[in-house]
Amino acid sequence: MLQSAPFNYRRIIIWVGRIVIAAFFIYAGLAKLIRWDMHQLPPLTLANFPFPWRESIPTSLFAAQIDSYQMVPPWVSLAIAHWLPWAEILLGALLLIGWQLRIWATIVTLIVGGFFTAVVRAYALHLDINCGCFAKPEPLTGWTVLRDGALFLLAVLMTVFAFQQARKPHPWSGPANPAT
């Protein structure tokens, strides 16, 4: 017999978390690669696309934003600037797909937690820097801390609920041991 209410608050938070965090990650990754705010750049082609192994103006600018947090050496900032946008796009897509959700949700939660920690640290040290979240000149403010904190909370809830839901049978599936 099918249950009439397959959605509960856990499933709703998982779905909302997947969609919201995936949208944030995909947009942030693309913004760091393409830099839509820089209109003087030449048209984007395969020849000038900022692949992870190729130095580009957006990658260099993002590396400078990472370096402004004063947490890692410049060579680590450059490596992060090369690979983080691609990882964000990939993880966002995997969240949308939902395949192996517990793995990707855990990784995303750790990454968002790292972002949140860096933003809180910079804000507490009164560093006058740009956030770097969406690769545009966005000053680090209390709103940035609140936004990243809310995103981190959503990621934690999504991950915890994904693990809890995995232990339960799907509400549309039949009984585990049908009475015969």
Protein backbone atom coordinates (compact mmCIF):
# COMPACT_ATOMS: atom_id res chain seq x y z
CA MET A 1 0.00 0.00 0.00
CA LEU A 2 1.35 3.44 -0.93
CA GLN A 3 1.61 6.13 1.65
CA SER A 4 -0.24 9.31 0.80
CA ALA A 5 2.41 11.76 1.98
CA PRO A 6 5.85 10.86 0.60
CA PHE A 7 7.24 14.29 1.47
CA ASN A 8 8.09 15.32 4.99
CA TYR A 9 10.11 18.24 6.33
CA ARG A 10 13.37 16.29 5.95
CA ARG A 11 12.77 15.57 2.28
CA ILE A 12 11.71 19.17 1.66
CA ILE A 13 14.88 20.51 3.29
CA ILE A 14 16.97 18.04 1.28
CA TRP A 15 15.33 19.20 -1.97
CA VAL A 16 15.57 22.90 -1.09
CA GLY A 17 19.18 22.44 0.02
CA ARG A 18 20.10 20.61 -3.16
CA ILE A 19 18.56 23.25 -5.41
CA VAL A 20 19.74 26.34 -3.49
CA ILE A 21 23.28 25.16 -2.80
CA ALA A 22 23.68 23.76 -6.31
CA ALA A 23 22.54 27.10 -7.75
CA PHE A 24 25.00 28.98 -5.53
CA PHE A 25 27.86 26.64 -6.44
CA ILE A 26 27.22 26.59 -10.19
CA TYR A 27 26.75 30.36 -10.38
CA ALA A 28 29.81 31.05 -8.21
CA GLY A 29 31.98 28.67 -10.25
CA LEU A 30 30.89 30.13 -13.57
CA ALA A 31 31.29 33.69 -12.30
CA LYS A 32 34.87 32.94 -11.25
CA LEU A 33 35.70 31.48 -14.66
CA ILE A 34 33.94 33.94 -16.92
CA ARG A 35 33.80 37.23 -14.92
CA TRP A 36 30.68 38.67 -16.52
CA ASP A 37 31.37 41.98 -14.78
CA MET A 38 34.51 42.54 -16.90
CA HIS A 39 33.06 43.81 -20.18
CA GLN A 40 36.44 44.73 -21.67
CA LEU A 41 37.45 41.07 -21.99
CA PRO A 42 37.48 39.57 -25.49
CA PRO A 43 34.62 37.25 -26.41
CA LEU A 44 34.85 33.90 -24.69
CA THR A 45 36.10 31.19 -27.04
CA LEU A 46 37.67 27.79 -26.60
CA ALA A 47 41.07 29.39 -27.28
CA ASN A 48 40.82 31.79 -24.32
CA PHE A 49 38.59 29.76 -21.97
CA PRO A 50 40.11 29.63 -18.47
CA PHE A 51 40.79 25.90 -18.20
CA PRO A 52 42.40 24.90 -14.86
CA TRP A 53 45.83 24.54 -16.43
CA ARG A 54 45.72 27.92 -18.19
CA GLU A 55 46.47 31.25 -16.54
CA SER A 56 43.79 33.86 -17.20
CA ILE A 57 42.79 37.30 -15.99
CA PRO A 58 39.75 35.99 -14.02
CA THR A 59 41.90 33.27 -12.41
CA SER A 60 44.57 35.80 -11.42
CA LEU A 61 41.98 38.17 -9.96
CA PHE A 62 40.33 35.37 -8.01
CA ALA A 63 43.75 34.24 -6.73
CA ALA A 64 44.34 37.80 -5.46
CA GLN A 65 40.98 37.71 -3.66
CA ILE A 66 41.89 34.38 -2.02
CA ASP A 67 45.31 35.75 -1.05
CA SER A 68 43.68 38.77 0.62
CA TYR A 69 42.27 36.46 3.32
CA GLN A 70 45.88 35.94 4.50
CA MET A 71 45.32 32.25 5.26
CA VAL A 72 47.46 30.42 2.69
CA PRO A 73 50.66 31.14 0.74
CA PRO A 74 50.30 32.74 -2.72
CA TRP A 75 51.05 29.51 -4.60
CA VAL A 76 48.18 27.79 -2.73
CA SER A 77 45.90 30.73 -3.57
CA LEU A 78 46.73 30.28 -7.24
CA ALA A 79 46.08 26.53 -7.10
CA ILE A 80 42.73 27.13 -5.38
CA ALA A 81 41.84 29.78 -7.97
CA HIS A 82 42.56 27.30 -10.77
CA TRP A 83 40.55 24.37 -9.40
CA LEU A 84 37.84 25.71 -7.05
CA PRO A 85 35.53 27.06 -9.80
CA TRP A 86 35.56 23.70 -11.58
CA ALA A 87 34.94 21.84 -8.32
CA GLU A 88 32.03 24.17 -7.50
CA ILE A 89 30.40 23.57 -10.89
CA LEU A 90 30.89 19.81 -10.67
CA LEU A 91 29.61 19.57 -7.09
CA GLY A 92 26.62 21.77 -7.92
CA ALA A 93 25.73 19.51 -10.83
CA LEU A 94 26.12 16.39 -8.68
CA LEU A 95 23.82 17.87 -6.04
CA LEU A 96 21.19 18.54 -8.70
CA ILE A 97 21.48 15.02 -10.06
CA GLY A 98 21.22 13.55 -6.57
CA TRP A 99 23.38 10.51 -7.30
CA GLN A 100 25.34 9.44 -4.20
CA LEU A 101 23.86 12.43 -2.39
CA ARG A 102 25.35 11.64 1.01
CA ILE A 103 28.91 11.77 -0.39
CA TRP A 104 28.47 15.04 -2.30
CA ALA A 105 26.41 16.67 0.44
CA THR A 106 29.16 15.90 2.95
CA ILE A 107 31.86 17.33 0.70
CA VAL A 108 29.78 20.43 -0.06
CA THR A 109 29.10 20.94 3.65
CA LEU A 110 32.81 20.77 4.42
CA ILE A 111 33.59 23.27 1.65
CA VAL A 112 30.82 25.68 2.72
CA GLY A 113 32.05 25.31 6.30
CA GLY A 114 35.53 26.28 5.14
CA PHE A 115 34.14 29.29 3.28
CA PHE A 116 32.16 30.31 6.35
CA THR A 117 35.19 29.94 8.61
CA ALA A 118 37.32 32.09 6.28
CA VAL A 119 34.65 34.79 6.06
CA VAL A 120 34.08 34.87 9.84
CA ARG A 121 37.84 35.03 10.46
CA ALA A 122 38.32 37.87 7.98
CA TYR A 123 35.33 39.75 9.40
CA ALA A 124 36.57 39.28 12.98
CA LEU A 125 40.02 40.57 11.98
CA HIS A 126 38.36 43.60 10.31
CA LEU A 127 40.08 42.87 7.02
CA ASP A 128 38.95 45.39 4.40
CA ILE A 129 38.72 42.90 1.53
CA ASN A 130 36.35 41.68 -1.15
CA CYS A 131 34.50 38.48 -0.38
CA GLY A 132 35.47 36.67 -3.60
CA CYS A 133 32.38 34.48 -3.36
CA PHE A 134 31.07 35.42 -6.79
CA ALA A 135 34.34 36.79 -8.22
CA LYS A 136 33.17 40.38 -8.24
CA PRO A 137 34.14 43.26 -5.98
CA GLU A 138 31.78 42.53 -3.11
CA PRO A 139 32.91 43.98 0.22
CA LEU A 140 33.00 41.63 3.18
CA THR A 141 30.19 42.77 5.49
CA GLY A 142 27.96 41.40 8.20
CA TRP A 143 25.47 40.44 5.49
CA THR A 144 28.13 38.30 3.85
CA VAL A 145 28.69 36.51 7.17
CA LEU A 146 24.93 35.99 7.62
CA ARG A 147 24.47 34.73 4.06
CA ASP A 148 27.34 32.28 4.35
CA GLY A 149 26.14 31.19 7.80
CA ALA A 150 22.64 30.50 6.46
CA LEU A 151 24.10 28.57 3.54
CA PHE A 152 26.26 26.54 5.93
CA LEU A 153 23.25 25.78 8.15
CA LEU A 154 21.26 24.66 5.12
CA ALA A 155 24.17 22.45 3.98
CA VAL A 156 24.47 20.85 7.42
CA LEU A 157 20.72 20.18 7.61
CA MET A 158 20.66 18.80 4.07
CA THR A 159 23.54 16.44 4.86
CA VAL A 160 22.18 15.24 8.21
CA PHE A 161 18.71 14.67 6.77
CA ALA A 162 20.14 12.87 3.72
CA PHE A 163 21.85 10.41 6.06
CA GLN A 164 18.68 10.00 8.14
CA GLN A 165 16.48 9.45 5.10
CA ALA A 166 18.88 6.87 3.69
CA ARG A 167 18.17 4.63 6.68
CA LYS A 168 14.44 4.59 5.99
CA PRO A 169 12.63 2.87 3.16
CA HIS A 170 11.31 5.13 0.45
CA PRO A 171 7.70 6.10 1.24
CA TRP A 172 6.47 4.93 -2.16
CA SER A 173 8.07 1.51 -1.88
CA GLY A 174 6.05 -1.39 -0.62
CA PRO A 175 6.46 -2.97 2.79
CA ALA A 176 9.87 -4.49 3.47
CA ASN A 177 8.46 -7.92 4.35
CA PRO A 178 5.08 -8.36 2.73
CA ALA A 179 2.74 -10.61 4.69
CA THR A 180 2.00 -13.70 2.70
